[in-house]
Amino acid sequence: MTVFEGSFTDSSSLRFAFVIGRFNDLVTGKLLEGCQDCLKRHGVDVHPEGTQVDYAWVPGSFEVPLVARQLALTGRYDAIICLGAVIRGQTPHFDYVAAEVSKGIATTSLQTGVPIVFGVLTTDSMQQALERAGIKSNLGWNYAMSALEMASLMRQIRALPPNDSLNGLAGGEPQKLAAGPAQRLAQEDS
Protein backbone atom coordinates (compact mmCIF):
# COMPACT_ATOMS: atom_id res chain seq x y z
CA MET A 1 0.00 0.00 0.00
CA THR A 2 1.25 3.49 -0.81
CA VAL A 3 0.91 6.43 1.54
CA PHE A 4 0.62 9.89 0.05
CA GLU A 5 1.33 12.89 2.19
CA GLY A 6 2.04 16.49 1.31
CA SER A 7 5.16 18.23 2.53
CA PHE A 8 6.21 21.78 3.26
CA THR A 9 9.65 21.62 1.67
CA ASP A 10 10.85 21.96 -1.91
CA SER A 11 8.40 24.73 -2.67
CA SER A 12 10.64 26.58 -5.12
CA SER A 13 8.83 25.23 -8.18
CA LEU A 14 5.28 25.63 -6.85
CA ARG A 15 2.99 28.36 -8.19
CA PHE A 16 0.18 29.94 -6.20
CA ALA A 17 -2.57 32.44 -6.80
CA PHE A 18 -4.50 34.52 -4.30
CA VAL A 19 -8.03 35.73 -4.85
CA ILE A 20 -8.73 38.41 -2.27
CA GLY A 21 -12.01 40.21 -1.58
CA ARG A 22 -11.59 43.97 -1.05
CA PHE A 23 -14.74 44.21 1.08
CA ASN A 24 -13.62 44.13 4.73
CA ASP A 25 -10.06 44.71 3.51
CA LEU A 26 -8.94 45.48 7.05
CA VAL A 27 -9.45 41.76 7.66
CA THR A 28 -8.47 40.35 4.28
CA GLY A 29 -5.28 42.41 4.21
CA LYS A 30 -4.21 40.89 7.53
CA LEU A 31 -5.06 37.37 6.30
CA LEU A 32 -2.97 38.02 3.19
CA GLU A 33 -0.03 39.13 5.34
CA GLY A 34 -0.28 35.90 7.34
CA CYS A 35 -0.31 33.83 4.14
CA GLN A 36 2.63 35.70 2.67
CA ASP A 37 4.65 35.30 5.86
CA CYS A 38 4.08 31.54 5.86
CA LEU A 39 4.87 31.08 2.18
CA LYS A 40 7.98 33.23 2.42
CA ARG A 41 9.27 31.24 5.40
CA HIS A 42 8.77 28.07 3.35
CA GLY A 43 10.86 29.31 0.42
CA VAL A 44 8.20 30.84 -1.82
CA ASP A 45 8.89 34.19 -3.49
CA VAL A 46 5.75 36.16 -2.60
CA HIS A 47 6.77 39.38 -4.35
CA PRO A 48 4.05 40.47 -6.81
CA GLU A 49 6.63 40.90 -9.57
CA GLY A 50 8.04 37.42 -8.88
CA THR A 51 7.18 34.23 -10.73
CA GLN A 52 5.63 32.12 -7.98
CA VAL A 53 2.60 34.06 -6.73
CA ASP A 54 -0.10 36.01 -8.55
CA TYR A 55 -2.69 38.22 -6.85
CA ALA A 56 -6.25 38.89 -7.99
CA TRP A 57 -8.33 41.45 -6.09
CA VAL A 58 -12.11 41.25 -6.43
CA PRO A 59 -14.85 43.52 -5.02
CA GLY A 60 -16.03 41.11 -2.33
CA SER A 61 -16.27 37.50 -1.25
CA PHE A 62 -19.16 36.74 -3.59
CA GLU A 63 -16.90 37.33 -6.61
CA VAL A 64 -14.08 35.10 -5.32
CA PRO A 65 -15.26 31.73 -6.76
CA LEU A 66 -15.61 33.02 -10.33
CA VAL A 67 -12.09 34.41 -10.43
CA ALA A 68 -10.69 31.34 -8.66
CA ARG A 69 -12.26 29.15 -11.34
CA GLN A 70 -10.84 31.21 -14.19
CA LEU A 71 -7.39 31.10 -12.61
CA ALA A 72 -7.63 27.34 -12.02
CA LEU A 73 -8.56 26.75 -15.66
CA THR A 74 -5.31 28.34 -16.81
CA GLY A 75 -3.43 25.31 -15.47
CA ARG A 76 -0.70 27.62 -14.13
CA TYR A 77 -1.24 27.09 -10.41
CA ASP A 78 -0.52 24.29 -7.98
CA ALA A 79 -2.95 25.82 -5.46
CA ILE A 80 -5.18 28.86 -5.11
CA ILE A 81 -5.90 30.59 -1.82
CA CYS A 82 -9.22 32.43 -1.54
CA LEU A 83 -9.39 35.16 1.09
CA GLY A 84 -12.47 37.03 2.20
CA ALA A 85 -14.50 38.10 5.20
CA VAL A 86 -18.27 37.80 5.44
CA ILE A 87 -19.50 39.37 8.67
CA ARG A 88 -23.03 38.85 9.92
CA GLY A 89 -25.27 41.88 9.88
CA GLN A 90 -28.92 42.41 10.72
CA THR A 91 -30.25 41.00 7.45
CA PRO A 92 -30.09 37.52 5.87
CA HIS A 93 -27.51 38.81 3.35
CA PHE A 94 -24.74 37.08 5.36
CA ASP A 95 -26.39 33.66 4.97
CA TYR A 96 -26.74 33.98 1.19
CA VAL A 97 -23.22 35.24 0.59
CA ALA A 98 -21.52 32.77 2.96
CA ALA A 99 -23.39 29.80 1.47
CA GLU A 100 -22.73 30.72 -2.15
CA VAL A 101 -19.06 31.51 -1.60
CA SER A 102 -18.40 28.21 0.14
CA LYS A 103 -20.32 26.24 -2.50
CA GLY A 104 -18.60 28.09 -5.32
CA ILE A 105 -15.11 27.48 -3.98
CA ALA A 106 -15.77 23.80 -3.28
CA THR A 107 -17.32 23.27 -6.71
CA THR A 108 -14.43 25.01 -8.43
CA SER A 109 -11.86 22.82 -6.71
CA LEU A 110 -13.75 19.63 -7.53
CA GLN A 111 -14.38 20.62 -11.16
CA THR A 112 -10.85 21.74 -11.94
CA GLY A 113 -8.79 19.39 -9.78
CA VAL A 114 -6.80 22.34 -8.45
CA PRO A 115 -6.53 22.64 -4.66
CA ILE A 116 -8.42 25.76 -3.66
CA VAL A 117 -8.10 26.81 -0.05
CA PHE A 118 -11.18 28.26 1.63
CA GLY A 119 -9.81 31.26 3.50
CA VAL A 120 -13.07 33.16 3.80
CA LEU A 121 -13.91 34.08 7.35
CA THR A 122 -17.59 33.88 8.24
CA THR A 123 -18.04 35.55 11.60
CA ASP A 124 -20.73 37.12 13.74
CA SER A 125 -18.78 40.35 14.33
CA MET A 126 -15.86 42.43 13.14
CA GLN A 127 -14.16 41.68 16.47
CA GLN A 128 -14.29 37.93 15.75
CA ALA A 129 -12.92 38.50 12.26
CA LEU A 130 -10.04 40.63 13.54
CA GLU A 131 -9.21 38.03 16.18
CA ARG A 132 -8.87 35.40 13.46
CA ALA A 133 -6.86 37.73 11.23
CA GLY A 134 -4.16 38.65 13.67
CA ILE A 135 -5.25 39.90 17.09
CA LYS A 136 -5.17 36.43 18.67
CA SER A 137 -3.75 34.41 15.77
CA ASN A 138 -3.65 34.81 12.02
CA LEU A 139 -5.49 32.09 10.15
CA GLY A 140 -3.75 33.27 6.99
CA TRP A 141 -0.75 31.21 8.11
CA ASN A 142 -2.95 28.09 8.30
CA TYR A 143 -4.42 28.76 4.85
CA ALA A 144 -0.95 28.99 3.33
CA MET A 145 0.13 25.78 5.08
CA SER A 146 -2.90 24.02 3.60
CA ALA A 147 -2.01 25.33 0.14
CA LEU A 148 1.60 24.13 0.45
CA GLU A 149 0.54 20.70 1.66
CA MET A 150 -2.17 20.21 -0.96
CA ALA A 151 0.03 21.45 -3.81
CA SER A 152 2.72 18.98 -2.81
CA LEU A 153 0.23 16.15 -2.34
CA MET A 154 -1.46 16.70 -5.70
CA ARG A 155 1.91 16.75 -7.48
CA GLN A 156 2.63 13.31 -6.02
CA ILE A 157 -0.74 11.94 -7.08
CA ARG A 158 -0.53 13.42 -10.59
CA ALA A 159 2.91 11.83 -11.04
CA LEU A 160 1.45 8.33 -10.62
CA PRO A 161 1.66 6.15 -13.72
CA PRO A 162 -1.67 5.25 -15.32
CA ASN A 163 -3.40 2.14 -14.01
CA ASP A 164 -2.57 -0.73 -16.34
CA SER A 165 -5.97 -2.30 -15.69
CA LEU A 166 -7.51 0.58 -17.69
CA ASN A 167 -5.59 -0.45 -20.81
CA GLY A 168 -7.11 -2.95 -23.15
CA LEU A 169 -10.72 -2.30 -22.23
CA ALA A 170 -11.91 -2.13 -25.85
CA GLY A 171 -10.81 -5.13 -27.91
CA GLY A 172 -7.34 -5.39 -26.46
CA GLU A 173 -6.28 -1.95 -27.70
CA PRO A 174 -4.76 0.42 -25.15
CA GLN A 175 -7.09 3.29 -24.35
CA LYS A 176 -5.96 6.88 -24.04
CA LEU A 177 -6.92 8.26 -20.64
CA ALA A 178 -9.35 11.14 -20.72
CA ALA A 179 -8.17 14.69 -20.17
CA GLY A 180 -8.11 15.89 -16.59
CA PRO A 181 -10.94 18.00 -15.16
CA ALA A 182 -9.30 21.35 -15.84
CA GLN A 183 -8.59 20.42 -19.45
CA ARG A 184 -12.16 19.20 -20.01
CA LEU A 185 -13.61 22.39 -18.55
CA ALA A 186 -11.28 24.53 -20.64
CA GLN A 187 -12.37 22.64 -23.76
CA GLU A 188 -16.03 23.16 -22.86
CA ASP A 189 -15.46 26.90 -22.34
CA SER A 190 -13.81 27.38 -25.74
C-alpha atoms as a PDB file:
ATOM      1  CA  MET A   1       0.000   0.000   0.000  1.00  0.00           C
ATOM      2  CA  THR A   2       1.248   3.493  -0.815  1.00  0.00           C
ATOM      3  CA  VAL A   3       0.915   6.428   1.545  1.00  0.00           C
ATOM      4  CA  PHE A   4       0.624   9.894   0.048  1.00  0.00           C
ATOM      5  CA  GLU A   5       1.331  12.895   2.185  1.00  0.00           C
ATOM      6  CA  GLY A   6       2.040  16.490   1.310  1.00  0.00           C
ATOM      7  CA  SER A   7       5.158  18.229   2.530  1.00  0.00           C
ATOM      8  CA  PHE A   8       6.209  21.778   3.255  1.00  0.00           C
ATOM      9  CA  THR A   9       9.650  21.622   1.668  1.00  0.00           C
ATOM     10  CA  ASP A  10      10.852  21.956  -1.910  1.00  0.00           C
ATOM     11  CA  SER A  11       8.397  24.727  -2.672  1.00  0.00           C
ATOM     12  CA  SER A  12      10.644  26.584  -5.116  1.00  0.00           C
ATOM     13  CA  SER A  13       8.827  25.232  -8.176  1.00  0.00           C
ATOM     14  CA  LEU A  14       5.276  25.626  -6.845  1.00  0.00           C
ATOM     15  CA  ARG A  15       2.993  28.361  -8.189  1.00  0.00           C
ATOM     16  CA  PHE A  16       0.180  29.943  -6.197  1.00  0.00           C
ATOM     17  CA  ALA A  17      -2.574  32.440  -6.800  1.00  0.00           C
ATOM     18  CA  PHE A  18      -4.496  34.518  -4.299  1.00  0.00           C
ATOM     19  CA  VAL A  19      -8.033  35.726  -4.849  1.00  0.00           C
ATOM     20  CA  ILE A  20      -8.733  38.414  -2.268  1.00  0.00           C
ATOM     21  CA  GLY A  21     -12.013  40.208  -1.577  1.00  0.00           C
ATOM     22  CA  ARG A  22     -11.593  43.970  -1.054  1.00  0.00           C
ATOM     23  CA  PHE A  23     -14.743  44.206   1.076  1.00  0.00           C
ATOM     24  CA  ASN A  24     -13.621  44.130   4.726  1.00  0.00           C
ATOM     25  CA  ASP A  25     -10.061  44.709   3.511  1.00  0.00           C
ATOM     26  CA  LEU A  26      -8.935  45.480   7.051  1.00  0.00           C
ATOM     27  CA  VAL A  27      -9.452  41.764   7.663  1.00  0.00           C
ATOM     28  CA  THR A  28      -8.471  40.353   4.276  1.00  0.00           C
ATOM     29  CA  GLY A  29      -5.283  42.411   4.210  1.00  0.00           C
ATOM     30  CA  LYS A  30      -4.212  40.886   7.533  1.00  0.00           C
ATOM     31  CA  LEU A  31      -5.059  37.372   6.296  1.00  0.00           C
ATOM     32  CA  LEU A  32      -2.972  38.019   3.188  1.00  0.00           C
ATOM     33  CA  GLU A  33      -0.034  39.133   5.339  1.00  0.00           C
ATOM     34  CA  GLY A  34      -0.275  35.900   7.336  1.00  0.00           C
ATOM     35  CA  CYS A  35      -0.310  33.831   4.143  1.00  0.00           C
ATOM     36  CA  GLN A  36       2.626  35.704   2.674  1.00  0.00           C
ATOM     37  CA  ASP A  37       4.650  35.298   5.865  1.00  0.00           C
ATOM     38  CA  CYS A  38       4.076  31.538   5.863  1.00  0.00           C
ATOM     39  CA  LEU A  39       4.870  31.080   2.178  1.00  0.00           C
ATOM     40  CA  LYS A  40       7.984  33.235   2.423  1.00  0.00           C
ATOM     41  CA  ARG A  41       9.266  31.241   5.404  1.00  0.00           C
ATOM     42  CA  HIS A  42       8.766  28.071   3.347  1.00  0.00           C
ATOM     43  CA  GLY A  43      10.862  29.308   0.423  1.00  0.00           C
ATOM     44  CA  VAL A  44       8.201  30.844  -1.823  1.00  0.00           C
ATOM     45  CA  ASP A  45       8.888  34.193  -3.493  1.00  0.00           C
ATOM     46  CA  VAL A  46       5.746  36.160  -2.600  1.00  0.00           C
ATOM     47  CA  HIS A  47       6.772  39.376  -4.348  1.00  0.00           C
ATOM     48  CA  PRO A  48       4.047  40.469  -6.806  1.00  0.00           C
ATOM     49  CA  GLU A  49       6.632  40.895  -9.571  1.00  0.00           C
ATOM     50  CA  GLY A  50       8.040  37.419  -8.882  1.00  0.00           C
ATOM     51  CA  THR A  51       7.182  34.231 -10.735  1.00  0.00           C
ATOM     52  CA  GLN A  52       5.631  32.119  -7.979  1.00  0.00           C
ATOM     53  CA  VAL A  53       2.601  34.056  -6.728  1.00  0.00           C
ATOM     54  CA  ASP A  54      -0.098  36.007  -8.546  1.00  0.00           C
ATOM     55  CA  TYR A  55      -2.685  38.220  -6.854  1.00  0.00           C
ATOM     56  CA  ALA A  56      -6.254  38.890  -7.993  1.00  0.00           C
ATOM     57  CA  TRP A  57      -8.329  41.447  -6.094  1.00  0.00           C
ATOM     58  CA  VAL A  58     -12.108  41.249  -6.427  1.00  0.00           C
ATOM     59  CA  PRO A  59     -14.850  43.525  -5.024  1.00  0.00           C
ATOM     60  CA  GLY A  60     -16.033  41.110  -2.327  1.00  0.00           C
ATOM     61  CA  SER A  61     -16.270  37.500  -1.248  1.00  0.00           C
ATOM     62  CA  PHE A  62     -19.163  36.741  -3.589  1.00  0.00           C
ATOM     63  CA  GLU A  63     -16.899  37.326  -6.608  1.00  0.00           C
ATOM     64  CA  VAL A  64     -14.082  35.101  -5.319  1.00  0.00           C
ATOM     65  CA  PRO A  65     -15.263  31.732  -6.760  1.00  0.00           C
ATOM     66  CA  LEU A  66     -15.611  33.020 -10.326  1.00  0.00           C
ATOM     67  CA  VAL A  67     -12.092  34.414 -10.433  1.00  0.00           C
ATOM     68  CA  ALA A  68     -10.688  31.343  -8.658  1.00  0.00           C
ATOM     69  CA  ARG A  69     -12.256  29.148 -11.341  1.00  0.00           C
ATOM     70  CA  GLN A  70     -10.844  31.214 -14.185  1.00  0.00           C
ATOM     71  CA  LEU A  71      -7.387  31.098 -12.612  1.00  0.00           C
ATOM     72  CA  ALA A  72      -7.633  27.342 -12.021  1.00  0.00           C
ATOM     73  CA  LEU A  73      -8.564  26.754 -15.663  1.00  0.00           C
ATOM     74  CA  THR A  74      -5.308  28.336 -16.814  1.00  0.00           C
ATOM     75  CA  GLY A  75      -3.428  25.312 -15.469  1.00  0.00           C
ATOM     76  CA  ARG A  76      -0.697  27.624 -14.129  1.00  0.00           C
ATOM     77  CA  TYR A  77      -1.238  27.095 -10.413  1.00  0.00           C
ATOM     78  CA  ASP A  78      -0.519  24.292  -7.975  1.00  0.00           C
ATOM     79  CA  ALA A  79      -2.949  25.823  -5.462  1.00  0.00           C
ATOM     80  CA  ILE A  80      -5.181  28.864  -5.113  1.00  0.00           C
ATOM     81  CA  ILE A  81      -5.897  30.594  -1.823  1.00  0.00           C
ATOM     82  CA  CYS A  82      -9.215  32.429  -1.544  1.00  0.00           C
ATOM     83  CA  LEU A  83      -9.393  35.155   1.089  1.00  0.00           C
ATOM     84  CA  GLY A  84     -12.470  37.034   2.195  1.00  0.00           C
ATOM     85  CA  ALA A  85     -14.505  38.104   5.196  1.00  0.00           C
ATOM     86  CA  VAL A  86     -18.268  37.799   5.444  1.00  0.00           C
ATOM     87  CA  ILE A  87     -19.496  39.371   8.670  1.00  0.00           C
ATOM     88  CA  ARG A  88     -23.033  38.848   9.922  1.00  0.00           C
ATOM     89  CA  GLY A  89     -25.269  41.884   9.883  1.00  0.00           C
ATOM     90  CA  GLN A  90     -28.918  42.413  10.718  1.00  0.00           C
ATOM     91  CA  THR A  91     -30.253  40.996   7.447  1.00  0.00           C
ATOM     92  CA  PRO A  92     -30.091  37.518   5.868  1.00  0.00           C
ATOM     93  CA  HIS A  93     -27.506  38.807   3.353  1.00  0.00           C
ATOM     94  CA  PHE A  94     -24.740  37.080   5.358  1.00  0.00           C
ATOM     95  CA  ASP A  95     -26.392  33.664   4.972  1.00  0.00           C
ATOM     96  CA  TYR A  96     -26.737  33.984   1.194  1.00  0.00           C
ATOM     97  CA  VAL A  97     -23.216  35.237   0.592  1.00  0.00           C
ATOM     98  CA  ALA A  98     -21.520  32.769   2.959  1.00  0.00           C
ATOM     99  CA  ALA A  99     -23.391  29.803   1.473  1.00  0.00           C
ATOM    100  CA  GLU A 100     -22.726  30.724  -2.151  1.00  0.00           C
ATOM    101  CA  VAL A 101     -19.062  31.509  -1.605  1.00  0.00           C
ATOM    102  CA  SER A 102     -18.402  28.211   0.143  1.00  0.00           C
ATOM    103  CA  LYS A 103     -20.325  26.235  -2.495  1.00  0.00           C
ATOM    104  CA  GLY A 104     -18.599  28.091  -5.316  1.00  0.00           C
ATOM    105  CA  ILE A 105     -15.108  27.485  -3.983  1.00  0.00           C
ATOM    106  CA  ALA A 106     -15.772  23.796  -3.279  1.00  0.00           C
ATOM    107  CA  THR A 107     -17.319  23.267  -6.705  1.00  0.00           C
ATOM    108  CA  THR A 108     -14.430  25.005  -8.433  1.00  0.00           C
ATOM    109  CA  SER A 109     -11.861  22.822  -6.713  1.00  0.00           C
ATOM    110  CA  LEU A 110     -13.746  19.629  -7.533  1.00  0.00           C
ATOM    111  CA  GLN A 111     -14.377  20.619 -11.159  1.00  0.00           C
ATOM    112  CA  THR A 112     -10.850  21.738 -11.935  1.00  0.00           C
ATOM    113  CA  GLY A 113      -8.787  19.391  -9.784  1.00  0.00           C
ATOM    114  CA  VAL A 114      -6.805  22.345  -8.454  1.00  0.00           C
ATOM    115  CA  PRO A 115      -6.533  22.638  -4.665  1.00  0.00           C
ATOM    116  CA  ILE A 116      -8.420  25.759  -3.664  1.00  0.00           C
ATOM    117  CA  VAL A 117      -8.095  26.814  -0.049  1.00  0.00           C
ATOM    118  CA  PHE A 118     -11.183  28.261   1.627  1.00  0.00           C
ATOM    119  CA  GLY A 119      -9.808  31.259   3.496  1.00  0.00           C
ATOM    120  CA  VAL A 120     -13.067  33.156   3.796  1.00  0.00           C
ATOM    121  CA  LEU A 121     -13.908  34.081   7.352  1.00  0.00           C
ATOM    122  CA  THR A 122     -17.589  33.884   8.243  1.00  0.00           C
ATOM    123  CA  THR A 123     -18.043  35.549  11.604  1.00  0.00           C
ATOM    124  CA  ASP A 124     -20.730  37.119  13.736  1.00  0.00           C
ATOM    125  CA  SER A 125     -18.785  40.349  14.333  1.00  0.00           C
ATOM    126  CA  MET A 126     -15.861  42.432  13.144  1.00  0.00           C
ATOM    127  CA  GLN A 127     -14.158  41.679  16.467  1.00  0.00           C
ATOM    128  CA  GLN A 128     -14.292  37.932  15.754  1.00  0.00           C
ATOM    129  CA  ALA A 129     -12.920  38.501  12.263  1.00  0.00           C
ATOM    130  CA  LEU A 130     -10.041  40.628  13.540  1.00  0.00           C
ATOM    131  CA  GLU A 131      -9.211  38.034  16.185  1.00  0.00           C
ATOM    132  CA  ARG A 132      -8.868  35.404  13.458  1.00  0.00           C
ATOM    133  CA  ALA A 133      -6.859  37.734  11.226  1.00  0.00           C
ATOM    134  CA  GLY A 134      -4.157  38.653  13.672  1.00  0.00           C
ATOM    135  CA  ILE A 135      -5.249  39.903  17.085  1.00  0.00           C
ATOM    136  CA  LYS A 136      -5.168  36.426  18.668  1.00  0.00           C
ATOM    137  CA  SER A 137      -3.752  34.412  15.769  1.00  0.00           C
ATOM    138  CA  ASN A 138      -3.647  34.813  12.016  1.00  0.00           C
ATOM    139  CA  LEU A 139      -5.492  32.086  10.149  1.00  0.00           C
ATOM    140  CA  GLY A 140      -3.753  33.274   6.992  1.00  0.00           C
ATOM    141  CA  TRP A 141      -0.751  31.215   8.105  1.00  0.00           C
ATOM    142  CA  ASN A 142      -2.952  28.088   8.302  1.00  0.00           C
ATOM    143  CA  TYR A 143      -4.424  28.757   4.852  1.00  0.00           C
ATOM    144  CA  ALA A 144      -0.955  28.990   3.325  1.00  0.00           C
ATOM    145  CA  MET A 145       0.126  25.777   5.081  1.00  0.00           C
ATOM    146  CA  SER A 146      -2.903  24.017   3.603  1.00  0.00           C
ATOM    147  CA  ALA A 147      -2.009  25.329   0.144  1.00  0.00           C
ATOM    148  CA  LEU A 148       1.596  24.135   0.452  1.00  0.00           C
ATOM    149  CA  GLU A 149       0.540  20.703   1.656  1.00  0.00           C
ATOM    150  CA  MET A 150      -2.170  20.211  -0.958  1.00  0.00           C
ATOM    151  CA  ALA A 151       0.033  21.452  -3.808  1.00  0.00           C
ATOM    152  CA  SER A 152       2.721  18.976  -2.808  1.00  0.00           C
ATOM    153  CA  LEU A 153       0.227  16.145  -2.345  1.00  0.00           C
ATOM    154  CA  MET A 154      -1.458  16.704  -5.697  1.00  0.00           C
ATOM    155  CA  ARG A 155       1.911  16.747  -7.482  1.00  0.00           C
ATOM    156  CA  GLN A 156       2.634  13.313  -6.023  1.00  0.00           C
ATOM    157  CA  ILE A 157      -0.736  11.943  -7.079  1.00  0.00           C
ATOM    158  CA  ARG A 158      -0.526  13.420 -10.594  1.00  0.00           C
ATOM    159  CA  ALA A 159       2.908  11.833 -11.035  1.00  0.00           C
ATOM    160  CA  LEU A 160       1.450   8.329 -10.625  1.00  0.00           C
ATOM    161  CA  PRO A 161       1.663   6.149 -13.716  1.00  0.00           C
ATOM    162  CA  PRO A 162      -1.666   5.247 -15.318  1.00  0.00           C
ATOM    163  CA  ASN A 163      -3.402   2.143 -14.012  1.00  0.00           C
ATOM    164  CA  ASP A 164      -2.572  -0.735 -16.345  1.00  0.00           C
ATOM    165  CA  SER A 165      -5.966  -2.298 -15.694  1.00  0.00           C
ATOM    166  CA  LEU A 166      -7.506   0.582 -17.687  1.00  0.00           C
ATOM    167  CA  ASN A 167      -5.592  -0.454 -20.810  1.00  0.00           C
ATOM    168  CA  GLY A 168      -7.105  -2.954 -23.154  1.00  0.00           C
ATOM    169  CA  LEU A 169     -10.724  -2.298 -22.233  1.00  0.00           C
ATOM    170  CA  ALA A 170     -11.905  -2.134 -25.848  1.00  0.00           C
ATOM    171  CA  GLY A 171     -10.812  -5.132 -27.907  1.00  0.00           C
ATOM    172  CA  GLY A 172      -7.345  -5.385 -26.460  1.00  0.00           C
ATOM    173  CA  GLU A 173      -6.285  -1.946 -27.704  1.00  0.00           C
ATOM    174  CA  PRO A 174      -4.764   0.423 -25.146  1.00  0.00           C
ATOM    175  CA  GLN A 175      -7.086   3.286 -24.347  1.00  0.00           C
ATOM    176  CA  LYS A 176      -5.959   6.876 -24.037  1.00  0.00           C
ATOM    177  CA  LEU A 177      -6.922   8.263 -20.641  1.00  0.00           C
ATOM    178  CA  ALA A 178      -9.353  11.139 -20.718  1.00  0.00           C
ATOM    179  CA  ALA A 179      -8.165  14.691 -20.168  1.00  0.00           C
ATOM    180  CA  GLY A 180      -8.115  15.894 -16.588  1.00  0.00           C
ATOM    181  CA  PRO A 181     -10.940  18.002 -15.156  1.00  0.00           C
ATOM    182  CA  ALA A 182      -9.299  21.355 -15.836  1.00  0.00           C
ATOM    183  CA  GLN A 183      -8.593  20.420 -19.454  1.00  0.00           C
ATOM    184  CA  ARG A 184     -12.163  19.195 -20.011  1.00  0.00           C
ATOM    185  CA  LEU A 185     -13.613  22.394 -18.549  1.00  0.00           C
ATOM    186  CA  ALA A 186     -11.277  24.531 -20.640  1.00  0.00           C
ATOM    187  CA  GLN A 187     -12.373  22.637 -23.765  1.00  0.00           C
ATOM    188  CA  GLU A 188     -16.033  23.159 -22.859  1.00  0.00           C
ATOM    189  CA  ASP A 189     -15.465  26.903 -22.335  1.00  0.00           C
ATOM    190  CA  SER A 190     -13.812  27.385 -25.741  1.00  0.00           C
END
